[in-house]
């Protein structure tokens, strides 16, 4: 019982540390967008500053592209270390750019006869460079850990919006002047980024954090907690120091279905000391032979099923995850972020509606991500014939296209003088964001759990170090991070072209 409680405390502590580490992923960019109403009111571009910021942010994707190309030349055994160094660089530069934004956000200059907010756009570009890079670094790092921590990382990523939204609502009441300046706001973001770096240090270098790495634990004397806590999220292969040896076929079957119980140990008869010494030597020899057989059987199984497993991997897991995240980011980070001012700006109290729509969307996103982990894998037994994930994807796509349609009709939006219609559109935008965040996290969880199982089967009988070298999910998650940024870039370029072509107006 005590061992079980300790294990739960350890897992919960690591989960919280991953959430805190995830705060450094998009805290700067979400913080900038939560100040949109102040920026649009103060800067010469007005609400057009949102599309300019979005373009500057997406142009920063050149940095994760360069990092992705550079990672090809990093030895596989060094990539985990390389990603660790990059995480600390991201946190350090994040703190620096937060402070610079607070000091220079309202500096402007005349460019081609027009006043431009060059300082804000430049710092948005630099901040976007580090935040975009987190997509191709943080996901590969977390793929080295148990699958449940994928949700923790996404909860932390979405919590950046929650924290920025709450601070912005406190800072900007419905009426009156802001309670504190943009500089104070940015200093608070810098403090949060520092806490994130400390949390990553705990995750990466403490025994608590390292205990959650995905690897096979080979132990001569397994603890009771290790045997009782085996689940689909972290399958452990334990070889006991007894006369009863588990057959290689049975070990492989246990990896496929960890719920199957291992054979009960045979009773050991009383023996003389001389007989015990001889049996001990024989046991060691049998143990070594069994381990060699385990490796041989696992390697043969890998070779015989490599083509089928690879095809199944690519079609069902990798491609689905990459394409889904690309489409989700296309709308979430590219289209909807840019058109928000045109969706709400033409209704009564447009700036207030915009502020609450943006900030409440930032608040519901982490809640939806957390629910994605606690809700069982879909479809459930009750709804096994209903494409639940397909329905959820349809809901957020319908909401996204509805907002695009409203923006396209601006300034003659439907019932533009009705405050009630404006509020209903705010509610629709919040629901769309919640379902979108749920689907994004659920797709990661489904892929991480399934791919983890394939990795563990393919690495049966190999050392723990081989996991980080040959695990398929690490490369898949890096490509997924790149797909996220590619979708965001494509959406931003399209929305920028539409805005520049006067497709939207007030």
Protein backbone atom coordinates (compact mmCIF):
# COMPACT_ATOMS: atom_id res chain seq x y z
CA UNK A 1 0.00 0.00 0.00
CA UNK A 2 2.77 2.44 0.93
CA UNK A 3 4.65 1.58 -2.24
CA UNK A 4 1.52 2.25 -4.31
CA UNK A 5 0.93 5.61 -2.62
CA UNK A 6 4.58 6.56 -3.13
CA UNK A 7 4.36 5.61 -6.81
CA UNK A 8 1.27 7.77 -7.29
CA UNK A 9 2.88 10.71 -5.52
CA UNK A 10 5.97 10.34 -7.69
CA UNK A 11 3.94 10.20 -10.91
CA UNK A 12 1.80 13.17 -9.85
CA UNK A 13 4.87 15.21 -8.97
CA UNK A 14 6.45 14.52 -12.34
CA UNK A 15 3.14 15.31 -14.08
CA UNK A 16 3.03 18.72 -12.40
CA UNK A 17 6.66 19.39 -13.33
CA UNK A 18 5.88 18.63 -17.00
CA UNK A 19 2.93 21.02 -16.85
CA UNK A 20 5.16 23.75 -15.42
CA UNK A 21 7.82 23.05 -18.02
CA UNK A 22 5.21 23.34 -20.77
CA UNK A 23 4.49 26.91 -19.66
CA UNK A 24 7.63 28.10 -21.47
CA UNK A 25 6.35 26.83 -24.83
CA UNK A 26 4.00 29.69 -25.83
CA UNK A 27 3.85 32.01 -22.82
CA UNK A 28 5.45 34.96 -24.65
CA UNK A 29 3.30 34.80 -27.79
CA UNK A 30 0.05 34.18 -25.88
CA UNK A 31 0.97 37.03 -23.58
CA UNK A 32 1.40 39.38 -26.54
CA UNK A 33 -1.98 38.40 -28.04
CA UNK A 34 -3.74 38.82 -24.70
CA UNK A 35 -2.68 42.50 -24.90
CA UNK A 36 -4.32 42.90 -28.31
CA UNK A 37 -6.97 45.38 -27.19
CA UNK A 38 -4.30 47.67 -25.69
CA UNK A 39 -2.05 47.28 -28.72
CA UNK A 40 -4.84 48.02 -31.22
CA UNK A 41 -5.89 51.10 -29.24
CA UNK A 42 -2.34 52.48 -28.86
CA UNK A 43 -0.36 51.55 -31.96
CA UNK A 44 -0.80 53.28 -35.37
CA UNK A 45 -1.82 50.07 -37.21
CA UNK A 46 -4.96 49.65 -35.11
CA UNK A 47 -6.54 46.19 -35.39
CA UNK A 48 -4.39 45.42 -38.42
CA UNK A 49 -1.53 44.88 -35.98
CA UNK A 50 -2.98 41.41 -35.30
CA UNK A 51 -2.36 40.21 -38.88
CA UNK A 52 1.11 41.81 -38.92
CA UNK A 53 1.98 40.06 -35.65
CA UNK A 54 0.67 36.77 -36.98
CA UNK A 55 2.80 37.08 -40.11
CA UNK A 56 5.90 38.00 -38.09
CA UNK A 57 5.25 35.04 -35.83
CA UNK A 58 4.89 32.57 -38.69
CA UNK A 59 7.93 33.87 -40.55
CA UNK A 60 9.87 32.84 -37.46
CA UNK A 61 9.23 29.23 -38.49
CA UNK A 62 12.52 29.37 -40.36
CA UNK A 63 14.23 28.62 -37.05
CA UNK A 64 12.50 25.30 -36.30
CA UNK A 65 13.07 24.33 -39.95
CA UNK A 66 16.79 24.97 -39.54
CA UNK A 67 16.80 23.07 -36.26
CA UNK A 68 14.98 20.15 -37.85
CA UNK A 69 17.57 20.00 -40.64
CA UNK A 70 20.44 20.35 -38.18
CA UNK A 71 19.11 17.55 -35.96
CA UNK A 72 19.65 15.11 -38.85
CA UNK A 73 23.40 15.50 -38.36
CA UNK A 74 23.24 14.96 -34.59
CA UNK A 75 24.14 11.37 -33.57
CA UNK A 76 21.11 9.49 -32.33
CA UNK A 77 22.75 8.83 -28.97
CA UNK A 78 23.27 12.59 -28.49
CA UNK A 79 19.85 13.90 -29.53
CA UNK A 80 18.36 13.73 -26.03
CA UNK A 81 21.30 15.76 -24.72
CA UNK A 82 21.06 18.17 -27.67
CA UNK A 83 17.36 18.76 -27.04
CA UNK A 84 18.11 19.40 -23.37
CA UNK A 85 20.56 22.18 -24.26
CA UNK A 86 18.03 23.73 -26.65
CA UNK A 87 15.37 23.76 -23.91
CA UNK A 88 17.64 25.85 -21.66
CA UNK A 89 18.42 28.23 -24.53
CA UNK A 90 14.69 28.66 -25.14
CA UNK A 91 14.01 29.47 -21.48
CA UNK A 92 16.91 31.93 -21.26
CA UNK A 93 15.99 33.83 -24.41
CA UNK A 94 12.32 33.77 -23.39
CA UNK A 95 13.13 35.67 -20.21
CA UNK A 96 15.22 38.20 -22.15
CA UNK A 97 12.57 38.84 -24.83
CA UNK A 98 9.81 39.24 -22.23
CA UNK A 99 11.72 42.05 -20.55
CA UNK A 100 12.55 43.70 -23.90
CA UNK A 101 8.88 43.56 -24.95
CA UNK A 102 7.86 45.32 -21.76
CA UNK A 103 10.39 48.09 -22.38
CA UNK A 104 10.08 48.69 -26.14
CA UNK A 105 6.64 47.47 -27.30
CA UNK A 106 5.32 50.96 -28.14
CA UNK A 107 8.37 52.29 -30.02
CA UNK A 108 7.50 53.29 -33.60
CA UNK A 109 9.27 54.74 -36.63
CA UNK A 110 8.34 56.13 -40.05
CA UNK A 111 8.91 53.55 -42.79
CA UNK A 112 7.98 54.52 -46.38
CA UNK A 113 6.01 57.48 -45.05
CA UNK A 114 3.96 55.44 -42.54
CA UNK A 115 4.38 54.97 -38.82
CA UNK A 116 5.16 51.36 -38.08
CA UNK A 117 5.50 49.47 -34.82
CA UNK A 118 8.86 48.05 -35.80
CA UNK A 119 9.92 47.25 -32.24
CA UNK A 120 6.85 45.16 -31.43
CA UNK A 121 7.00 43.29 -34.73
CA UNK A 122 10.72 42.56 -34.40
CA UNK A 123 10.34 41.28 -30.85
CA UNK A 124 7.29 39.26 -31.91
CA UNK A 125 9.44 37.66 -34.60
CA UNK A 126 12.21 36.83 -32.11
CA UNK A 127 9.76 35.57 -29.49
CA UNK A 128 8.02 33.51 -32.15
CA UNK A 129 11.37 32.00 -33.11
CA UNK A 130 11.86 30.44 -29.67
CA UNK A 131 8.20 29.54 -29.18
CA UNK A 132 7.91 27.89 -32.61
CA UNK A 133 11.10 25.96 -31.93
CA UNK A 134 9.50 24.36 -28.88
CA UNK A 135 7.26 22.34 -31.21
CA UNK A 136 10.21 20.43 -32.70
CA UNK A 137 12.03 20.10 -29.36
CA UNK A 138 9.51 19.63 -26.55
CA UNK A 139 7.49 16.86 -28.22
CA UNK A 140 10.56 14.69 -29.00
CA UNK A 141 11.74 15.16 -25.40
CA UNK A 142 8.40 14.12 -23.92
CA UNK A 143 8.24 11.09 -26.22
CA UNK A 144 11.04 9.63 -24.11
CA UNK A 145 8.63 9.52 -21.16
CA UNK A 146 5.45 7.59 -20.49
CA UNK A 147 2.55 8.46 -22.73
CA UNK A 148 0.43 10.13 -20.04
CA UNK A 149 2.91 13.01 -19.92
CA UNK A 150 1.93 14.05 -23.45
CA UNK A 151 -1.26 15.43 -21.96
CA UNK A 152 0.75 17.17 -19.23
CA UNK A 153 2.87 18.97 -21.83
CA UNK A 154 -0.20 20.07 -23.79
CA UNK A 155 -1.95 21.16 -20.60
CA UNK A 156 1.07 23.31 -19.79
CA UNK A 157 1.16 24.66 -23.34
CA UNK A 158 -2.50 25.66 -23.14
CA UNK A 159 -2.08 26.98 -19.60
CA UNK A 160 0.10 29.69 -21.08
CA UNK A 161 -3.09 31.06 -22.59
CA UNK A 162 -4.99 30.60 -19.34
CA UNK A 163 -2.40 32.47 -17.31
CA UNK A 164 -2.06 35.22 -19.90
CA UNK A 165 -5.86 35.47 -20.19
CA UNK A 166 -6.44 35.72 -16.44
CA UNK A 167 -3.70 38.32 -16.06
CA UNK A 168 -5.15 40.29 -18.99
CA UNK A 169 -8.68 40.20 -17.53
CA UNK A 170 -7.33 41.44 -14.18
CA UNK A 171 -5.26 44.06 -15.97
CA UNK A 172 -8.06 45.27 -18.26
CA UNK A 173 -11.45 45.57 -16.52
CA UNK A 174 -14.53 46.19 -18.66
CA UNK A 175 -14.33 49.90 -17.89
CA UNK A 176 -11.58 52.20 -16.78
CA UNK A 177 -7.81 52.32 -17.24
CA UNK A 178 -5.58 49.20 -17.03
CA UNK A 179 -4.65 48.29 -13.46
CA UNK A 180 -0.97 47.75 -14.34
CA UNK A 181 1.26 48.48 -17.31
CA UNK A 182 2.45 46.26 -20.14
CA UNK A 183 5.93 46.29 -18.57
CA UNK A 184 4.65 44.74 -15.33
CA UNK A 185 2.71 42.20 -17.39
CA UNK A 186 5.85 41.16 -19.30
CA UNK A 187 7.92 40.89 -16.11
CA UNK A 188 5.34 38.43 -14.75
CA UNK A 189 5.73 36.39 -17.95
CA UNK A 190 9.51 36.36 -17.45
CA UNK A 191 9.08 35.00 -13.92
CA UNK A 192 6.83 32.21 -15.22
CA UNK A 193 9.44 31.29 -17.85
CA UNK A 194 12.10 31.04 -15.13
CA UNK A 195 9.87 28.69 -13.10
CA UNK A 196 9.43 26.60 -16.24
CA UNK A 197 13.19 26.18 -16.60
CA UNK A 198 13.47 25.04 -12.98
CA UNK A 199 10.68 22.49 -13.54
CA UNK A 200 12.51 21.07 -16.56
CA UNK A 201 15.66 20.66 -14.48
CA UNK A 202 13.63 18.63 -11.97
CA UNK A 203 12.17 16.49 -14.76
CA UNK A 204 15.44 15.87 -16.56
CA UNK A 205 17.99 15.37 -13.78
CA UNK A 206 16.28 14.21 -10.58
CA UNK A 207 15.55 10.55 -9.73
CA UNK A 208 11.83 11.37 -9.66
CA UNK A 209 11.89 12.62 -13.23
CA UNK A 210 14.21 9.94 -14.60
CA UNK A 211 12.04 7.22 -13.09
CA UNK A 212 9.32 8.06 -15.62
CA UNK A 213 11.50 7.51 -18.69
CA UNK A 214 10.21 4.82 -21.02
CA UNK A 215 12.63 1.89 -20.75
CA UNK A 216 12.82 -1.74 -19.76
CA UNK A 217 13.79 -2.21 -16.13
CA UNK A 218 15.78 -5.44 -15.64
CA UNK A 219 16.11 -6.29 -11.99
CA UNK A 220 17.38 -9.35 -10.14
CA UNK A 221 15.08 -8.65 -7.18
CA UNK A 222 12.00 -6.75 -8.33
CA UNK A 223 10.07 -4.74 -5.82
CA UNK A 224 6.44 -5.55 -5.20
CA UNK A 225 5.42 -2.10 -6.44
CA UNK A 226 7.14 -2.75 -9.77
CA UNK A 227 5.09 -5.91 -10.28
CA UNK A 228 1.78 -4.36 -9.23
CA UNK A 229 2.10 -1.11 -11.14
CA UNK A 230 2.58 -2.62 -14.59
CA UNK A 231 0.09 -1.05 -17.01
CA UNK A 232 -0.34 -0.17 -20.64
CA UNK A 233 1.41 3.14 -20.11
CA UNK A 234 4.66 1.68 -18.78
CA UNK A 235 5.35 -1.98 -19.42
CA UNK A 236 8.28 -3.38 -17.48
CA UNK A 237 10.07 -6.64 -18.17
CA UNK A 238 11.37 -8.11 -14.93
CA UNK A 239 13.56 -11.22 -14.77
CA UNK A 240 13.40 -12.87 -11.35
CA UNK A 241 16.35 -14.57 -9.66
CA UNK A 242 14.65 -17.91 -9.13
CA UNK A 243 14.85 -21.42 -10.47
CA UNK A 244 11.66 -20.91 -12.50
CA UNK A 245 12.48 -19.23 -15.79
CA UNK A 246 9.89 -17.55 -18.01
CA UNK A 247 9.95 -18.81 -21.57
CA UNK A 248 10.90 -16.27 -24.23
CA UNK A 249 7.57 -16.81 -25.99
CA UNK A 250 5.76 -16.00 -22.74
CA UNK A 251 7.80 -12.81 -22.20
CA UNK A 252 6.93 -11.61 -25.68
CA UNK A 253 3.26 -12.43 -25.11
CA UNK A 254 3.28 -10.44 -21.87
CA UNK A 255 4.48 -7.37 -23.76
CA UNK A 256 1.61 -7.69 -26.23
CA UNK A 257 -0.94 -8.25 -23.45
CA UNK A 258 0.45 -7.15 -20.05
CA UNK A 259 -2.72 -8.33 -18.29
CA UNK A 260 -1.73 -12.00 -18.74
CA UNK A 261 -0.28 -13.28 -15.50
CA UNK A 262 3.15 -14.87 -15.47
CA UNK A 263 3.51 -18.48 -14.33
CA UNK A 264 3.59 -19.10 -10.62
CA UNK A 265 6.96 -20.06 -9.21
CA UNK A 266 7.54 -23.72 -8.58
CA UNK A 267 7.98 -24.78 -5.01
CA UNK A 268 11.61 -25.20 -4.01
CA UNK A 269 12.41 -28.35 -2.08
CA UNK A 270 14.80 -28.35 0.86
CA UNK A 271 18.40 -28.97 -0.23
CA UNK A 272 21.79 -29.38 1.35
CA UNK A 273 24.30 -26.50 1.12
CA UNK A 274 26.35 -28.37 -1.54
CA UNK A 275 23.25 -28.98 -3.65
CA UNK A 276 22.24 -25.34 -3.27
CA UNK A 277 25.65 -24.15 -4.51
CA UNK A 278 25.43 -26.39 -7.56
CA UNK A 279 21.87 -25.23 -8.21
CA UNK A 280 22.90 -21.59 -7.87
CA UNK A 281 25.57 -22.02 -10.56
CA UNK A 282 23.09 -23.82 -12.78
CA UNK A 283 20.52 -21.08 -12.19
CA UNK A 284 22.94 -18.38 -13.31
CA UNK A 285 23.76 -20.34 -16.44
CA UNK A 286 20.08 -20.89 -17.18
CA UNK A 287 19.40 -17.21 -16.61
CA UNK A 288 22.10 -16.15 -19.09
CA UNK A 289 20.84 -18.65 -21.67
CA UNK A 290 17.28 -17.42 -21.20
CA UNK A 291 18.32 -13.78 -21.67
CA UNK A 292 20.16 -14.68 -24.89
CA UNK A 293 17.09 -16.54 -26.09
CA UNK A 294 14.94 -13.52 -25.28
CA UNK A 295 17.13 -11.31 -27.46
CA UNK A 296 17.19 -13.82 -30.31
CA UNK A 297 13.42 -14.39 -30.22
CA UNK A 298 12.71 -10.67 -30.10
CA UNK A 299 15.06 -9.93 -33.00
CA UNK A 300 13.58 -12.74 -35.09
CA UNK A 301 10.08 -11.50 -34.33
CA UNK A 302 11.10 -7.98 -35.35
CA UNK A 303 12.53 -9.16 -38.65
CA UNK A 304 9.53 -11.34 -39.52
CA UNK A 305 6.96 -8.64 -38.79
CA UNK A 306 8.93 -5.53 -39.68
CA UNK A 307 7.13 -4.81 -42.95
CA UNK A 308 3.64 -5.28 -41.48
CA UNK A 309 4.47 -3.30 -38.34
CA UNK A 310 6.05 -0.47 -40.33
CA UNK A 311 3.08 -0.21 -42.69
CA UNK A 312 0.63 -0.25 -39.81
CA UNK A 313 2.73 2.34 -37.97
CA UNK A 314 2.80 4.78 -40.86
CA UNK A 315 -0.85 4.55 -41.85
CA UNK A 316 -2.60 4.31 -38.47
CA UNK A 317 -0.35 6.27 -36.16
CA UNK A 318 2.28 8.53 -37.71
CA UNK A 319 0.36 9.86 -40.71
CA UNK A 320 -2.84 10.38 -38.77
CA UNK A 321 -1.04 12.31 -36.03
CA UNK A 322 0.96 14.47 -38.44
CA UNK A 323 -1.97 15.33 -40.71
CA UNK A 324 -4.39 15.96 -37.84
CA UNK A 325 -2.01 18.32 -36.03
CA UNK A 326 -1.22 20.18 -39.26
CA UNK A 327 -4.93 20.79 -39.94
CA UNK A 328 -5.66 21.77 -36.34
CA UNK A 329 -2.80 24.29 -36.30
CA UNK A 330 -3.80 25.66 -39.72
CA UNK A 331 -7.06 26.94 -38.23
CA UNK A 332 -6.10 27.48 -34.59
CA UNK A 333 -2.82 29.36 -34.99
CA UNK A 334 -3.14 30.64 -38.56
CA UNK A 335 -6.70 31.53 -39.56
CA UNK A 336 -8.74 32.12 -36.41
CA UNK A 337 -6.08 34.14 -34.60
CA UNK A 338 -5.83 36.62 -37.47
CA UNK A 339 -9.55 37.11 -38.15
CA UNK A 340 -10.74 37.50 -34.53
CA UNK A 341 -10.86 41.34 -34.71
CA UNK A 342 -13.07 41.17 -37.82
CA UNK A 343 -15.42 38.61 -36.27
CA UNK A 344 -16.23 40.69 -33.18
CA UNK A 345 -15.15 44.26 -34.02
CA UNK A 346 -18.35 45.22 -35.87
CA UNK A 347 -20.75 44.40 -33.04
CA UNK A 348 -21.70 46.73 -30.15
CA UNK A 349 -18.91 46.86 -27.56
CA UNK A 350 -16.68 45.18 -30.15
CA UNK A 351 -13.37 45.67 -28.25
CA UNK A 352 -14.91 44.21 -25.07
CA UNK A 353 -16.34 41.22 -26.96
CA UNK A 354 -12.95 40.67 -28.60
CA UNK A 355 -11.14 40.81 -25.27
CA UNK A 356 -13.46 38.31 -23.58
CA UNK A 357 -13.54 36.02 -26.63
CA UNK A 358 -9.74 35.83 -26.85
CA UNK A 359 -9.13 35.50 -23.12
CA UNK A 360 -11.91 32.98 -22.45
CA UNK A 361 -10.68 30.83 -25.33
CA UNK A 362 -7.27 30.86 -23.70
CA UNK A 363 -8.88 29.74 -20.43
CA UNK A 364 -10.94 26.81 -21.77
CA UNK A 365 -8.07 25.33 -23.81
CA UNK A 366 -6.08 23.77 -20.90
CA UNK A 367 -9.29 22.50 -19.29
CA UNK A 368 -10.17 20.69 -22.52
CA UNK A 369 -6.64 19.25 -22.76
CA UNK A 370 -6.85 17.90 -19.21
CA UNK A 371 -10.23 16.33 -19.92
CA UNK A 372 -8.75 14.63 -22.98
CA UNK A 373 -6.54 12.54 -20.69
CA UNK A 374 -9.22 11.67 -18.15
CA UNK A 375 -11.84 10.72 -20.75
CA UNK A 376 -11.25 7.09 -21.84
CA UNK A 377 -9.95 6.33 -25.29
CA UNK A 378 -12.71 6.80 -27.83
CA UNK A 379 -14.80 5.07 -29.01
CA UNK A 380 -15.95 3.48 -25.75
CA UNK A 381 -17.85 0.22 -25.41
CA UNK A 382 -21.14 2.11 -25.45
CA UNK A 383 -20.22 4.17 -28.50
CA UNK A 384 -17.95 1.70 -30.28
CA UNK A 385 -19.95 2.00 -33.51
CA UNK A 386 -20.07 5.80 -33.39
CA UNK A 387 -17.09 7.74 -34.85
CA UNK A 388 -16.77 9.99 -31.80
CA UNK A 389 -13.48 11.60 -32.81
CA UNK A 390 -14.87 12.20 -36.29
CA UNK A 391 -17.90 13.96 -34.83
CA UNK A 392 -15.71 16.12 -32.60
CA UNK A 393 -13.50 17.08 -35.53
CA UNK A 394 -16.62 18.01 -37.50
CA UNK A 395 -17.83 20.27 -34.64
CA UNK A 396 -14.68 22.38 -34.45
CA UNK A 397 -14.36 22.56 -38.25
CA UNK A 398 -17.96 23.80 -38.50
CA UNK A 399 -17.29 26.42 -35.82
CA UNK A 400 -14.09 27.55 -37.55
CA UNK A 401 -15.78 27.97 -40.93
CA UNK A 402 -18.65 29.86 -39.28
CA UNK A 403 -16.20 32.40 -37.88
CA UNK A 404 -14.49 32.71 -41.26
CA UNK A 405 -17.88 33.29 -42.88
CA UNK A 406 -18.76 36.04 -40.41
CA UNK A 407 -15.41 37.75 -40.99
CA UNK A 408 -15.92 37.57 -44.77
CA UNK A 409 -19.21 39.50 -44.44
CA UNK A 410 -17.64 42.32 -42.42
CA UNK A 411 -18.45 45.14 -41.99
CA UNK A 412 -22.01 44.02 -42.80
CA UNK A 413 -21.98 41.13 -40.35
CA UNK A 414 -25.32 39.42 -39.47
CA UNK A 415 -27.39 41.58 -37.07
CA UNK A 416 -24.47 43.90 -36.45
CA UNK A 417 -26.49 46.08 -34.07
CA UNK A 418 -27.47 43.18 -31.85
CA UNK A 419 -25.36 42.68 -28.72
CA UNK A 420 -27.05 39.30 -28.17
CA UNK A 421 -25.81 38.01 -31.53
CA UNK A 422 -22.32 39.21 -30.68
CA UNK A 423 -22.43 37.34 -27.36
CA UNK A 424 -23.67 34.17 -29.06
CA UNK A 425 -20.74 34.32 -31.49
CA UNK A 426 -18.39 34.65 -28.52
CA UNK A 427 -19.93 31.48 -27.04
CA UNK A 428 -19.58 29.68 -30.37
CA UNK A 429 -15.90 30.67 -30.58
CA UNK A 430 -15.28 29.38 -27.05
CA UNK A 431 -16.92 26.01 -27.81
CA UNK A 432 -14.91 25.72 -31.02
CA UNK A 433 -11.68 26.36 -29.14
CA UNK A 434 -12.55 23.83 -26.42
CA UNK A 435 -13.38 21.02 -28.88
CA UNK A 436 -10.32 21.84 -30.99
CA UNK A 437 -8.02 21.66 -27.94
CA UNK A 438 -9.63 18.39 -26.84
CA UNK A 439 -9.06 16.81 -30.27
CA UNK A 440 -5.47 18.07 -30.43
CA UNK A 441 -4.56 16.51 -27.09
CA UNK A 442 -6.52 13.30 -27.71
CA UNK A 443 -4.77 12.71 -31.01
CA UNK A 444 -1.40 13.02 -29.27
CA UNK A 445 -2.43 10.66 -26.48
CA UNK A 446 -3.79 8.00 -28.82
CA UNK A 447 -0.67 8.12 -31.00
CA UNK A 448 1.79 8.22 -28.08
CA UNK A 449 0.17 5.25 -26.33
CA UNK A 450 -0.07 3.12 -29.46
CA UNK A 451 3.41 4.00 -30.70
CA UNK A 452 4.86 3.34 -27.27
CA UNK A 453 3.50 -0.20 -27.43
CA UNK A 454 5.11 -0.74 -30.85
CA UNK A 455 8.42 0.62 -29.55
CA UNK A 456 8.38 -1.69 -26.54
CA UNK A 457 7.65 -4.73 -28.67
CA UNK A 458 10.42 -3.88 -31.12
CA UNK A 459 12.92 -3.30 -28.30
CA UNK A 460 12.16 -6.50 -26.40
CA UNK A 461 15.41 -8.00 -25.19
CA UNK A 462 17.54 -4.94 -25.94
CA UNK A 463 19.13 -2.60 -23.44
CA UNK A 464 17.38 0.48 -22.08
CA UNK A 465 19.81 2.70 -23.98
CA UNK A 466 18.60 1.31 -27.30
CA UNK A 467 15.19 2.79 -26.62
CA UNK A 468 16.30 6.34 -27.28
CA UNK A 469 18.14 5.26 -30.42
CA UNK A 470 15.54 3.09 -32.15
CA UNK A 471 12.21 4.29 -30.77
CA UNK A 472 10.07 5.27 -33.74
CA UNK A 473 7.87 7.71 -31.82
CA UNK A 474 10.75 10.16 -31.16
CA UNK A 475 11.22 10.90 -34.86
CA UNK A 476 7.47 10.93 -35.43
CA UNK A 477 6.96 13.53 -32.70
CA UNK A 478 9.67 15.74 -34.16
CA UNK A 479 7.99 15.63 -37.58
CA UNK A 480 4.64 16.31 -35.89
CA UNK A 481 6.08 19.43 -34.30
CA UNK A 482 7.24 20.57 -37.73
CA UNK A 483 3.77 19.82 -39.18
CA UNK A 484 2.23 22.01 -36.46
CA UNK A 485 4.38 24.94 -37.48
CA UNK A 486 3.85 24.29 -41.21
CA UNK A 487 0.08 24.36 -40.74
CA UNK A 488 0.31 27.55 -38.70
CA UNK A 489 2.46 29.19 -41.35
CA UNK A 490 0.12 28.24 -44.19
CA UNK A 491 -2.91 29.55 -42.32
CA UNK A 492 -1.21 32.83 -41.47
CA UNK A 493 -0.07 33.45 -45.04
CA UNK A 494 -3.58 32.83 -46.37
CA UNK A 495 -5.21 35.08 -43.78
CA UNK A 496 -2.61 37.79 -44.36
CA UNK A 497 -3.31 37.69 -48.09
CA UNK A 498 -7.06 37.97 -47.49
CA UNK A 499 -6.61 40.89 -45.09
CA UNK A 500 -4.20 42.67 -47.44
CA UNK A 501 -6.70 42.17 -50.27
CA UNK A 502 -9.42 43.88 -48.18
CA UNK A 503 -11.46 40.70 -47.86
CA UNK A 504 -12.22 41.83 -44.30
CA UNK A 505 -13.07 45.34 -43.14
CA UNK A 506 -14.79 47.31 -40.38
